[in-house]
Amino acid sequence: MIEEKNTELSRVKNKSMKSARRKRNLLFISLLVVFQFLFYFFTLLYFYIPYFEDISIAYSGLYYLPILTVIITIRIIIYINLTYILFKMWISQKEPHYSDIPFLIGLSFYGLISGKLIDLVVYTSFAIIEYHHGLSELFLLNISKFRYFIVITELLPIILVGFYLFLFRHNLGKQDRKIERIARKNTIIFSIFFVFTFLIIVIIQQSITFFSIIAGVMSLLSISFIIWMFITAYRGKILPEINSLIISIGYILALIFNVLLSILLNIMPQVIAYGEAIAITIMEGGSIISNILFLIGFKTKSHYKV
């Protein structure tokens, strides 16, 4: 009788803890949603309203800006969907933790929702400076730096997952707590080093051209690491709730489009007018394909069983 009573108390306690954890996680996600609304509001308040006249002239005179806006809007909608899918997957787990892979990857796509809006601000600022001689290069440099601060929030969660898999790759599917603790500790050390290095590079750069090259190289290295991460997950038969193979193909395409952008930026301005703008539009438009593959990959389960 006493044993049954203790079992019932334990069941009630566990249910209460799960309910409290679920409420806490839902509150955290609600705060992320509120922050995103505030971010868009302040971008509107401090860029689109004060520089409305310059922006209007740029949009009416440059045909590619409206096209680029539509493309980026589509990408933002895809990232919102990906964030929702991954956070829902995370919340649906029996015991969701902030170190869970669906949450960390979802956080990465969440960062891209803000990042793509700032990309549009950067492209619009570049157009105003380049073709209408409004604003200043210092303004564009500062906006670009702010964009790469956001890049850290995009890359860090997924780099955390990737580096952890790199350290723990020989023990995938095994229950070795000691090696797991060492992998987690080294992942934290690496993450601190990564953020510190990235911040220093972003802060000290004063040339837009050189800054773009350095930031581009770091982005390419990060994407390459992410590709390795999902291929490792596929070969190690982990993360069965997503299709790591399709996602890795999506990132391979993202890498190709980023490399293609670098090539086109060196060729097209010498060949046709508005070469830089056309190159960026091609890259952003092509990236929709990789984004759709992300969407398919995260909504499709792997064929293997664990």
C-alpha atoms as a PDB file:
ATOM      1  CA  MET A   1       0.000   0.000   0.000  1.00  0.00           C
ATOM      2  CA  ILE A   2       2.810   2.403   0.975  1.00  0.00           C
ATOM      3  CA  GLU A   3       4.730   1.440  -2.139  1.00  0.00           C
ATOM      4  CA  GLU A   4       1.708   2.204  -4.346  1.00  0.00           C
ATOM      5  CA  LYS A   5       1.293   5.568  -2.613  1.00  0.00           C
ATOM      6  CA  ASN A   6       4.967   6.445  -3.204  1.00  0.00           C
ATOM      7  CA  THR A   7       4.656   5.423  -6.851  1.00  0.00           C
ATOM      8  CA  GLU A   8       1.617   7.658  -7.267  1.00  0.00           C
ATOM      9  CA  LEU A   9       3.388  10.595  -5.576  1.00  0.00           C
ATOM     10  CA  SER A  10       6.396  10.060  -7.824  1.00  0.00           C
ATOM     11  CA  ARG A  11       4.145  10.036 -10.903  1.00  0.00           C
ATOM     12  CA  VAL A  12       2.420  13.255  -9.824  1.00  0.00           C
ATOM     13  CA  LYS A  13       5.785  14.905  -9.110  1.00  0.00           C
ATOM     14  CA  ASN A  14       7.186  13.915 -12.524  1.00  0.00           C
ATOM     15  CA  LYS A  15       4.049  15.176 -14.241  1.00  0.00           C
ATOM     16  CA  SER A  16       4.327  18.484 -12.371  1.00  0.00           C
ATOM     17  CA  MET A  17       8.013  18.849 -13.321  1.00  0.00           C
ATOM     18  CA  LYS A  18       7.265  18.117 -16.982  1.00  0.00           C
ATOM     19  CA  SER A  19       4.453  20.693 -16.959  1.00  0.00           C
ATOM     20  CA  ALA A  20       6.722  23.325 -15.387  1.00  0.00           C
ATOM     21  CA  ARG A  21       9.487  22.569 -17.912  1.00  0.00           C
ATOM     22  CA  ARG A  22       7.045  22.789 -20.796  1.00  0.00           C
ATOM     23  CA  LYS A  23       5.724  26.163 -19.580  1.00  0.00           C
ATOM     24  CA  ARG A  24       9.283  27.459 -19.169  1.00  0.00           C
ATOM     25  CA  ASN A  25      10.218  26.361 -22.691  1.00  0.00           C
ATOM     26  CA  LEU A  26       7.059  27.863 -24.180  1.00  0.00           C
ATOM     27  CA  LEU A  27       7.793  31.124 -22.341  1.00  0.00           C
ATOM     28  CA  PHE A  28      11.327  31.132 -23.784  1.00  0.00           C
ATOM     29  CA  ILE A  29       9.993  30.631 -27.327  1.00  0.00           C
ATOM     30  CA  SER A  30       7.404  33.394 -26.739  1.00  0.00           C
ATOM     31  CA  LEU A  31      10.220  35.761 -25.747  1.00  0.00           C
ATOM     32  CA  LEU A  32      12.091  34.869 -28.939  1.00  0.00           C
ATOM     33  CA  VAL A  33       8.977  35.730 -30.982  1.00  0.00           C
ATOM     34  CA  VAL A  34       8.568  39.066 -29.158  1.00  0.00           C
ATOM     35  CA  PHE A  35      12.262  39.869 -29.701  1.00  0.00           C
ATOM     36  CA  GLN A  36      11.890  39.173 -33.432  1.00  0.00           C
ATOM     37  CA  PHE A  37       8.922  41.568 -33.689  1.00  0.00           C
ATOM     38  CA  LEU A  38      10.892  44.237 -31.812  1.00  0.00           C
ATOM     39  CA  PHE A  39      13.909  43.702 -34.072  1.00  0.00           C
ATOM     40  CA  TYR A  40      11.809  44.269 -37.197  1.00  0.00           C
ATOM     41  CA  PHE A  41      10.101  47.269 -35.586  1.00  0.00           C
ATOM     42  CA  PHE A  42      13.398  48.988 -34.694  1.00  0.00           C
ATOM     43  CA  THR A  43      14.832  48.254 -38.155  1.00  0.00           C
ATOM     44  CA  LEU A  44      11.794  50.001 -39.613  1.00  0.00           C
ATOM     45  CA  LEU A  45      12.119  52.842 -37.105  1.00  0.00           C
ATOM     46  CA  TYR A  46      15.870  53.500 -37.507  1.00  0.00           C
ATOM     47  CA  PHE A  47      16.437  52.707 -41.195  1.00  0.00           C
ATOM     48  CA  TYR A  48      13.347  52.579 -43.374  1.00  0.00           C
ATOM     49  CA  ILE A  49      11.612  55.643 -41.884  1.00  0.00           C
ATOM     50  CA  PRO A  50      14.606  58.059 -41.585  1.00  0.00           C
ATOM     51  CA  TYR A  51      15.967  57.141 -45.047  1.00  0.00           C
ATOM     52  CA  PHE A  52      12.591  56.656 -46.724  1.00  0.00           C
ATOM     53  CA  GLU A  53      13.260  59.206 -49.482  1.00  0.00           C
ATOM     54  CA  ASP A  54      16.642  57.680 -50.435  1.00  0.00           C
ATOM     55  CA  ILE A  55      15.160  54.163 -50.307  1.00  0.00           C
ATOM     56  CA  SER A  56      12.197  55.183 -52.497  1.00  0.00           C
ATOM     57  CA  ILE A  57      14.539  56.660 -55.114  1.00  0.00           C
ATOM     58  CA  ALA A  58      16.658  53.498 -55.090  1.00  0.00           C
ATOM     59  CA  TYR A  59      13.618  51.216 -55.475  1.00  0.00           C
ATOM     60  CA  SER A  60      12.080  53.291 -58.264  1.00  0.00           C
ATOM     61  CA  GLY A  61      15.350  53.608 -60.181  1.00  0.00           C
ATOM     62  CA  LEU A  62      16.868  50.145 -59.726  1.00  0.00           C
ATOM     63  CA  TYR A  63      14.796  47.250 -61.085  1.00  0.00           C
ATOM     64  CA  TYR A  64      16.708  44.571 -59.177  1.00  0.00           C
ATOM     65  CA  LEU A  65      15.872  45.865 -55.661  1.00  0.00           C
ATOM     66  CA  PRO A  66      12.151  44.913 -55.745  1.00  0.00           C
ATOM     67  CA  ILE A  67      13.107  41.466 -57.140  1.00  0.00           C
ATOM     68  CA  LEU A  68      15.713  41.059 -54.394  1.00  0.00           C
ATOM     69  CA  THR A  69      13.136  42.084 -51.765  1.00  0.00           C
ATOM     70  CA  VAL A  70      10.700  39.384 -52.955  1.00  0.00           C
ATOM     71  CA  ILE A  71      13.457  36.738 -52.935  1.00  0.00           C
ATOM     72  CA  ILE A  72      14.588  37.656 -49.422  1.00  0.00           C
ATOM     73  CA  THR A  73      10.970  37.719 -48.199  1.00  0.00           C
ATOM     74  CA  ILE A  74      10.546  34.145 -49.506  1.00  0.00           C
ATOM     75  CA  ARG A  75      13.734  33.092 -47.711  1.00  0.00           C
ATOM     76  CA  ILE A  76      12.546  34.704 -44.450  1.00  0.00           C
ATOM     77  CA  ILE A  77       9.232  32.811 -44.697  1.00  0.00           C
ATOM     78  CA  ILE A  78      11.151  29.534 -45.203  1.00  0.00           C
ATOM     79  CA  TYR A  79      13.353  30.260 -42.175  1.00  0.00           C
ATOM     80  CA  ILE A  80      10.269  31.001 -40.060  1.00  0.00           C
ATOM     81  CA  ASN A  81       8.858  27.607 -41.098  1.00  0.00           C
ATOM     82  CA  LEU A  82      12.134  25.825 -40.340  1.00  0.00           C
ATOM     83  CA  THR A  83      12.352  27.466 -36.914  1.00  0.00           C
ATOM     84  CA  TYR A  84       8.770  26.445 -36.147  1.00  0.00           C
ATOM     85  CA  ILE A  85       9.355  22.823 -37.268  1.00  0.00           C
ATOM     86  CA  LEU A  86      12.508  22.419 -35.168  1.00  0.00           C
ATOM     87  CA  PHE A  87      11.137  24.129 -32.051  1.00  0.00           C
ATOM     88  CA  LYS A  88       7.994  21.997 -32.312  1.00  0.00           C
ATOM     89  CA  MET A  89      10.185  18.893 -32.629  1.00  0.00           C
ATOM     90  CA  TRP A  90      12.130  20.040 -29.555  1.00  0.00           C
ATOM     91  CA  ILE A  91       9.042  20.800 -27.443  1.00  0.00           C
ATOM     92  CA  SER A  92       7.515  17.423 -28.404  1.00  0.00           C
ATOM     93  CA  GLN A  93      10.390  15.496 -26.812  1.00  0.00           C
ATOM     94  CA  LYS A  94       9.766  13.772 -23.496  1.00  0.00           C
ATOM     95  CA  GLU A  95      12.447  15.824 -21.729  1.00  0.00           C
ATOM     96  CA  PRO A  96      13.472  18.820 -23.847  1.00  0.00           C
ATOM     97  CA  HIS A  97      16.777  20.482 -22.883  1.00  0.00           C
ATOM     98  CA  TYR A  98      18.490  23.596 -24.225  1.00  0.00           C
ATOM     99  CA  SER A  99      21.423  21.449 -25.377  1.00  0.00           C
ATOM    100  CA  ASP A 100      19.182  19.321 -27.642  1.00  0.00           C
ATOM    101  CA  ILE A 101      20.121  19.264 -31.324  1.00  0.00           C
ATOM    102  CA  PRO A 102      16.644  20.298 -32.685  1.00  0.00           C
ATOM    103  CA  PHE A 103      16.647  23.346 -30.388  1.00  0.00           C
ATOM    104  CA  LEU A 104      20.179  24.433 -31.340  1.00  0.00           C
ATOM    105  CA  ILE A 105      19.578  24.036 -35.073  1.00  0.00           C
ATOM    106  CA  GLY A 106      16.230  25.822 -34.698  1.00  0.00           C
ATOM    107  CA  LEU A 107      18.023  28.673 -32.923  1.00  0.00           C
ATOM    108  CA  SER A 108      20.388  28.924 -35.878  1.00  0.00           C
ATOM    109  CA  PHE A 109      17.508  29.340 -38.344  1.00  0.00           C
ATOM    110  CA  TYR A 110      15.880  31.792 -35.914  1.00  0.00           C
ATOM    111  CA  GLY A 111      18.986  33.987 -36.237  1.00  0.00           C
ATOM    112  CA  LEU A 112      18.604  33.911 -40.026  1.00  0.00           C
ATOM    113  CA  ILE A 113      15.143  35.509 -39.767  1.00  0.00           C
ATOM    114  CA  SER A 114      16.840  38.675 -38.482  1.00  0.00           C
ATOM    115  CA  GLY A 115      19.929  38.162 -40.624  1.00  0.00           C
ATOM    116  CA  LYS A 116      18.082  38.237 -43.942  1.00  0.00           C
ATOM    117  CA  LEU A 117      16.335  41.491 -43.023  1.00  0.00           C
ATOM    118  CA  ILE A 118      19.716  43.087 -42.318  1.00  0.00           C
ATOM    119  CA  ASP A 119      21.008  41.635 -45.599  1.00  0.00           C
ATOM    120  CA  LEU A 120      18.256  43.587 -47.336  1.00  0.00           C
ATOM    121  CA  VAL A 121      19.289  46.723 -45.425  1.00  0.00           C
ATOM    122  CA  VAL A 122      22.911  46.157 -46.528  1.00  0.00           C
ATOM    123  CA  TYR A 123      21.919  45.671 -50.185  1.00  0.00           C
ATOM    124  CA  THR A 124      19.669  48.736 -50.117  1.00  0.00           C
ATOM    125  CA  SER A 125      22.389  50.856 -48.450  1.00  0.00           C
ATOM    126  CA  PHE A 126      24.927  49.683 -51.046  1.00  0.00           C
ATOM    127  CA  ALA A 127      22.533  50.638 -53.860  1.00  0.00           C
ATOM    128  CA  ILE A 128      21.954  54.106 -52.388  1.00  0.00           C
ATOM    129  CA  ILE A 129      25.711  54.710 -51.977  1.00  0.00           C
ATOM    130  CA  GLU A 130      26.790  53.190 -55.296  1.00  0.00           C
ATOM    131  CA  TYR A 131      24.136  54.590 -57.650  1.00  0.00           C
ATOM    132  CA  HIS A 132      22.604  57.606 -55.882  1.00  0.00           C
ATOM    133  CA  HIS A 133      25.529  58.771 -53.721  1.00  0.00           C
ATOM    134  CA  GLY A 134      23.439  58.960 -50.575  1.00  0.00           C
ATOM    135  CA  LEU A 135      24.468  57.724 -47.095  1.00  0.00           C
ATOM    136  CA  SER A 136      28.164  57.024 -46.464  1.00  0.00           C
ATOM    137  CA  GLU A 137      30.565  54.102 -46.721  1.00  0.00           C
ATOM    138  CA  LEU A 138      31.040  54.260 -42.936  1.00  0.00           C
ATOM    139  CA  PHE A 139      27.286  53.677 -42.539  1.00  0.00           C
ATOM    140  CA  LEU A 140      27.490  50.627 -44.832  1.00  0.00           C
ATOM    141  CA  LEU A 141      30.549  49.310 -42.961  1.00  0.00           C
ATOM    142  CA  ASN A 142      28.787  49.608 -39.595  1.00  0.00           C
ATOM    143  CA  ILE A 143      25.631  47.910 -40.923  1.00  0.00           C
ATOM    144  CA  SER A 144      27.807  45.124 -42.407  1.00  0.00           C
ATOM    145  CA  LYS A 145      29.544  44.660 -39.067  1.00  0.00           C
ATOM    146  CA  PHE A 146      26.189  44.474 -37.304  1.00  0.00           C
ATOM    147  CA  ARG A 147      25.139  41.844 -39.860  1.00  0.00           C
ATOM    148  CA  TYR A 148      28.130  39.699 -38.929  1.00  0.00           C
ATOM    149  CA  PHE A 149      27.350  40.035 -35.222  1.00  0.00           C
ATOM    150  CA  ILE A 150      24.058  38.380 -36.148  1.00  0.00           C
ATOM    151  CA  VAL A 151      26.000  35.755 -38.130  1.00  0.00           C
ATOM    152  CA  ILE A 152      27.503  34.639 -34.822  1.00  0.00           C
ATOM    153  CA  THR A 153      24.011  33.920 -33.459  1.00  0.00           C
ATOM    154  CA  GLU A 154      23.259  31.961 -36.658  1.00  0.00           C
ATOM    155  CA  LEU A 155      26.457  29.926 -36.741  1.00  0.00           C
ATOM    156  CA  LEU A 156      27.216  29.328 -33.071  1.00  0.00           C
ATOM    157  CA  PRO A 157      24.325  26.929 -32.275  1.00  0.00           C
ATOM    158  CA  ILE A 158      24.962  24.767 -35.335  1.00  0.00           C
ATOM    159  CA  ILE A 159      28.751  24.932 -34.847  1.00  0.00           C
ATOM    160  CA  LEU A 160      28.178  23.701 -31.281  1.00  0.00           C
ATOM    161  CA  VAL A 161      26.352  20.656 -32.651  1.00  0.00           C
ATOM    162  CA  GLY A 162      28.989  20.080 -35.347  1.00  0.00           C
ATOM    163  CA  PHE A 163      32.020  20.341 -33.090  1.00  0.00           C
ATOM    164  CA  TYR A 164      30.373  18.083 -30.518  1.00  0.00           C
ATOM    165  CA  LEU A 165      29.742  15.475 -33.221  1.00  0.00           C
ATOM    166  CA  PHE A 166      33.363  15.850 -34.366  1.00  0.00           C
ATOM    167  CA  LEU A 167      34.684  15.090 -30.889  1.00  0.00           C
ATOM    168  CA  PHE A 168      32.141  12.350 -30.221  1.00  0.00           C
ATOM    169  CA  ARG A 169      31.981  10.855 -33.742  1.00  0.00           C
ATOM    170  CA  HIS A 170      33.721   7.553 -32.817  1.00  0.00           C
ATOM    171  CA  ASN A 171      31.218   6.967 -30.010  1.00  0.00           C
ATOM    172  CA  LEU A 172      27.975   7.698 -31.847  1.00  0.00           C
ATOM    173  CA  GLY A 173      25.261   5.349 -30.641  1.00  0.00           C
ATOM    174  CA  LYS A 174      27.294   4.319 -27.594  1.00  0.00           C
ATOM    175  CA  GLN A 175      26.660   5.261 -23.973  1.00  0.00           C
ATOM    176  CA  ASP A 176      30.052   6.493 -22.799  1.00  0.00           C
ATOM    177  CA  ARG A 177      29.333   9.234 -20.278  1.00  0.00           C
ATOM    178  CA  LYS A 178      32.993  10.056 -19.628  1.00  0.00           C
ATOM    179  CA  ILE A 179      33.799  10.703 -23.289  1.00  0.00           C
ATOM    180  CA  GLU A 180      30.527  12.592 -23.649  1.00  0.00           C
ATOM    181  CA  ARG A 181      31.433  14.935 -20.757  1.00  0.00           C
ATOM    182  CA  ILE A 182      34.891  15.570 -22.251  1.00  0.00           C
ATOM    183  CA  ALA A 183      33.303  16.289 -25.663  1.00  0.00           C
ATOM    184  CA  ARG A 184      30.854  18.766 -24.102  1.00  0.00           C
ATOM    185  CA  LYS A 185      33.629  20.539 -22.183  1.00  0.00           C
ATOM    186  CA  ASN A 186      35.857  20.857 -25.269  1.00  0.00           C
ATOM    187  CA  THR A 187      32.869  22.065 -27.304  1.00  0.00           C
ATOM    188  CA  ILE A 188      32.331  24.927 -24.836  1.00  0.00           C
ATOM    189  CA  ILE A 189      36.045  25.873 -24.991  1.00  0.00           C
ATOM    190  CA  PHE A 190      35.992  25.817 -28.805  1.00  0.00           C
ATOM    191  CA  SER A 191      32.805  27.915 -28.889  1.00  0.00           C
ATOM    192  CA  ILE A 192      34.334  30.618 -26.683  1.00  0.00           C
ATOM    193  CA  PHE A 193      37.426  30.704 -28.932  1.00  0.00           C
ATOM    194  CA  PHE A 194      35.244  30.824 -32.088  1.00  0.00           C
ATOM    195  CA  VAL A 195      33.085  33.720 -30.838  1.00  0.00           C
ATOM    196  CA  PHE A 196      36.088  35.695 -29.534  1.00  0.00           C
ATOM    197  CA  THR A 197      38.021  35.308 -32.815  1.00  0.00           C
ATOM    198  CA  PHE A 198      34.996  36.197 -34.949  1.00  0.00           C
ATOM    199  CA  LEU A 199      34.227  39.286 -32.848  1.00  0.00           C
ATOM    200  CA  ILE A 200      37.816  40.561 -33.007  1.00  0.00           C
ATOM    201  CA  ILE A 201      37.910  40.166 -36.806  1.00  0.00           C
ATOM    202  CA  VAL A 202      34.574  41.980 -37.202  1.00  0.00           C
ATOM    203  CA  ILE A 203      35.497  44.844 -34.842  1.00  0.00           C
ATOM    204  CA  ILE A 204      38.987  45.669 -36.191  1.00  0.00           C
ATOM    205  CA  GLN A 205      38.128  45.753 -39.907  1.00  0.00           C
ATOM    206  CA  GLN A 206      37.833  49.256 -41.381  1.00  0.00           C
ATOM    207  CA  SER A 207      37.767  48.391 -45.096  1.00  0.00           C
ATOM    208  CA  ILE A 208      34.498  47.169 -46.617  1.00  0.00           C
ATOM    209  CA  THR A 209      36.326  45.196 -49.342  1.00  0.00           C
ATOM    210  CA  PHE A 210      38.759  43.444 -47.000  1.00  0.00           C
ATOM    211  CA  PHE A 211      36.011  42.930 -44.428  1.00  0.00           C
ATOM    212  CA  SER A 212      33.832  41.224 -47.048  1.00  0.00           C
ATOM    213  CA  ILE A 213      36.682  38.890 -48.018  1.00  0.00           C
ATOM    214  CA  ILE A 214      37.481  37.865 -44.414  1.00  0.00           C
ATOM    215  CA  ALA A 215      33.819  37.449 -43.476  1.00  0.00           C
ATOM    216  CA  GLY A 216      33.195  35.478 -46.676  1.00  0.00           C
ATOM    217  CA  VAL A 217      36.072  33.091 -45.957  1.00  0.00           C
ATOM    218  CA  MET A 218      34.806  32.463 -42.421  1.00  0.00           C
ATOM    219  CA  SER A 219      31.282  31.837 -43.726  1.00  0.00           C
ATOM    220  CA  LEU A 220      32.582  29.343 -46.304  1.00  0.00           C
ATOM    221  CA  LEU A 221      34.592  27.497 -43.645  1.00  0.00           C
ATOM    222  CA  SER A 222      31.539  27.394 -41.385  1.00  0.00           C
ATOM    223  CA  ILE A 223      29.270  26.055 -44.156  1.00  0.00           C
ATOM    224  CA  SER A 224      31.892  23.401 -45.007  1.00  0.00           C
ATOM    225  CA  PHE A 225      31.947  22.323 -41.368  1.00  0.00           C
ATOM    226  CA  ILE A 226      28.133  22.159 -41.287  1.00  0.00           C
ATOM    227  CA  ILE A 227      28.133  19.960 -44.422  1.00  0.00           C
ATOM    228  CA  TRP A 228      30.576  17.601 -42.708  1.00  0.00           C
ATOM    229  CA  MET A 229      28.346  17.594 -39.622  1.00  0.00           C
ATOM    230  CA  PHE A 230      25.188  16.455 -41.441  1.00  0.00           C
ATOM    231  CA  ILE A 231      27.071  13.905 -43.545  1.00  0.00           C
ATOM    232  CA  THR A 232      28.547  12.508 -40.305  1.00  0.00           C
ATOM    233  CA  ALA A 233      25.066  12.380 -38.777  1.00  0.00           C
ATOM    234  CA  TYR A 234      23.818  10.481 -41.842  1.00  0.00           C
ATOM    235  CA  ARG A 235      26.725   8.013 -41.865  1.00  0.00           C
ATOM    236  CA  GLY A 236      26.496   7.552 -38.096  1.00  0.00           C
ATOM    237  CA  LYS A 237      22.743   6.931 -38.393  1.00  0.00           C
ATOM    238  CA  ILE A 238      21.824   9.508 -35.787  1.00  0.00           C
ATOM    239  CA  LEU A 239      19.102  12.194 -35.873  1.00  0.00           C
ATOM    240  CA  PRO A 240      16.518   9.801 -37.408  1.00  0.00           C
ATOM    241  CA  GLU A 241      13.793  12.442 -36.964  1.00  0.00           C
ATOM    242  CA  ILE A 242      15.305  14.446 -39.878  1.00  0.00           C
ATOM    243  CA  ASN A 243      16.861  13.566 -43.238  1.00  0.00           C
ATOM    244  CA  SER A 244      20.507  14.519 -42.801  1.00  0.00           C
ATOM    245  CA  LEU A 245      21.404  13.526 -46.387  1.00  0.00           C
ATOM    246  CA  ILE A 246      18.935  15.972 -47.974  1.00  0.00           C
ATOM    247  CA  ILE A 247      20.018  18.709 -45.540  1.00  0.00           C
ATOM    248  CA  SER A 248      23.698  18.139 -46.365  1.00  0.00           C
ATOM    249  CA  ILE A 249      22.879  18.438 -50.103  1.00  0.00           C
ATOM    250  CA  GLY A 250      21.106  21.715 -49.309  1.00  0.00           C
ATOM    251  CA  TYR A 251      24.213  23.048 -47.573  1.00  0.00           C
ATOM    252  CA  ILE A 252      26.426  21.869 -50.452  1.00  0.00           C
ATOM    253  CA  LEU A 253      24.256  23.957 -52.802  1.00  0.00           C
ATOM    254  CA  ALA A 254      24.500  26.900 -50.358  1.00  0.00           C
ATOM    255  CA  LEU A 255      28.295  26.568 -50.480  1.00  0.00           C
ATOM    256  CA  ILE A 256      28.259  26.461 -54.297  1.00  0.00           C
ATOM    257  CA  PHE A 257      26.102  29.597 -54.506  1.00  0.00           C
ATOM    258  CA  ASN A 258      28.402  31.445 -52.086  1.00  0.00           C
ATOM    259  CA  VAL A 259      31.473  30.488 -54.136  1.00  0.00           C
ATOM    260  CA  LEU A 260      29.584  31.434 -57.312  1.00  0.00           C
ATOM    261  CA  LEU A 261      28.845  34.856 -55.795  1.00  0.00           C
ATOM    262  CA  SER A 262      32.566  35.483 -55.197  1.00  0.00           C
ATOM    263  CA  ILE A 263      33.348  34.534 -58.804  1.00  0.00           C
ATOM    264  CA  LEU A 264      30.532  36.634 -60.262  1.00  0.00           C
ATOM    265  CA  LEU A 265      31.454  39.667 -58.134  1.00  0.00           C
ATOM    266  CA  ASN A 266      34.900  39.622 -59.752  1.00  0.00           C
ATOM    267  CA  ILE A 267      33.633  39.117 -63.303  1.00  0.00           C
ATOM    268  CA  MET A 268      30.213  40.732 -63.791  1.00  0.00           C
ATOM    269  CA  PRO A 269      31.009  44.353 -62.779  1.00  0.00           C
ATOM    270  CA  GLN A 270      33.598  44.400 -65.588  1.00  0.00           C
ATOM    271  CA  VAL A 271      31.154  42.970 -68.127  1.00  0.00           C
ATOM    272  CA  ILE A 272      27.775  44.627 -67.526  1.00  0.00           C
ATOM    273  CA  ALA A 273      26.259  47.518 -65.614  1.00  0.00           C
ATOM    274  CA  TYR A 274      24.962  46.765 -62.118  1.00  0.00           C
ATOM    275  CA  GLY A 275      27.141  43.634 -62.145  1.00  0.00           C
ATOM    276  CA  GLU A 276      27.422  43.400 -58.334  1.00  0.00           C
ATOM    277  CA  ALA A 277      23.659  43.729 -57.901  1.00  0.00           C
ATOM    278  CA  ILE A 278      22.909  41.057 -60.505  1.00  0.00           C
ATOM    279  CA  ALA A 279      25.465  38.695 -58.923  1.00  0.00           C
ATOM    280  CA  ILE A 280      23.859  39.135 -55.486  1.00  0.00           C
ATOM    281  CA  THR A 281      20.369  38.595 -56.951  1.00  0.00           C
ATOM    282  CA  ILE A 282      21.514  35.343 -58.620  1.00  0.00           C
ATOM    283  CA  MET A 283      23.048  34.126 -55.343  1.00  0.00           C
ATOM    284  CA  GLU A 284      19.988  35.011 -53.242  1.00  0.00           C
ATOM    285  CA  GLY A 285      17.606  33.510 -55.813  1.00  0.00           C
ATOM    286  CA  GLY A 286      19.625  30.321 -56.171  1.00  0.00           C
ATOM    287  CA  SER A 287      19.811  29.953 -52.393  1.00  0.00           C
ATOM    288  CA  ILE A 288      16.035  29.465 -52.320  1.00  0.00           C
ATOM    289  CA  ILE A 289      16.698  25.987 -53.777  1.00  0.00           C
ATOM    290  CA  SER A 290      18.978  25.093 -50.854  1.00  0.00           C
ATOM    291  CA  ASN A 291      16.414  26.545 -48.420  1.00  0.00           C
ATOM    292  CA  ILE A 292      13.667  24.356 -49.908  1.00  0.00           C
ATOM    293  CA  LEU A 293      15.938  21.323 -49.445  1.00  0.00           C
ATOM    294  CA  PHE A 294      16.382  22.333 -45.786  1.00  0.00           C
ATOM    295  CA  LEU A 295      12.610  22.468 -45.449  1.00  0.00           C
ATOM    296  CA  ILE A 296      12.205  19.007 -47.035  1.00  0.00           C
ATOM    297  CA  GLY A 297      15.090  17.564 -45.007  1.00  0.00           C
ATOM    298  CA  PHE A 298      13.800  18.772 -41.649  1.00  0.00           C
ATOM    299  CA  LYS A 299      10.234  17.636 -42.403  1.00  0.00           C
ATOM    300  CA  THR A 300      11.320  14.185 -43.666  1.00  0.00           C
ATOM    301  CA  LYS A 301      12.560  11.361 -41.438  1.00  0.00           C
ATOM    302  CA  SER A 302      15.660   9.332 -42.297  1.00  0.00           C
ATOM    303  CA  HIS A 303      15.110   5.899 -43.807  1.00  0.00           C
ATOM    304  CA  TYR A 304      17.313   4.180 -41.225  1.00  0.00           C
ATOM    305  CA  LYS A 305      16.251   3.054 -37.784  1.00  0.00           C
ATOM    306  CA  VAL A 306      18.259   3.408 -34.584  1.00  0.00           C
END
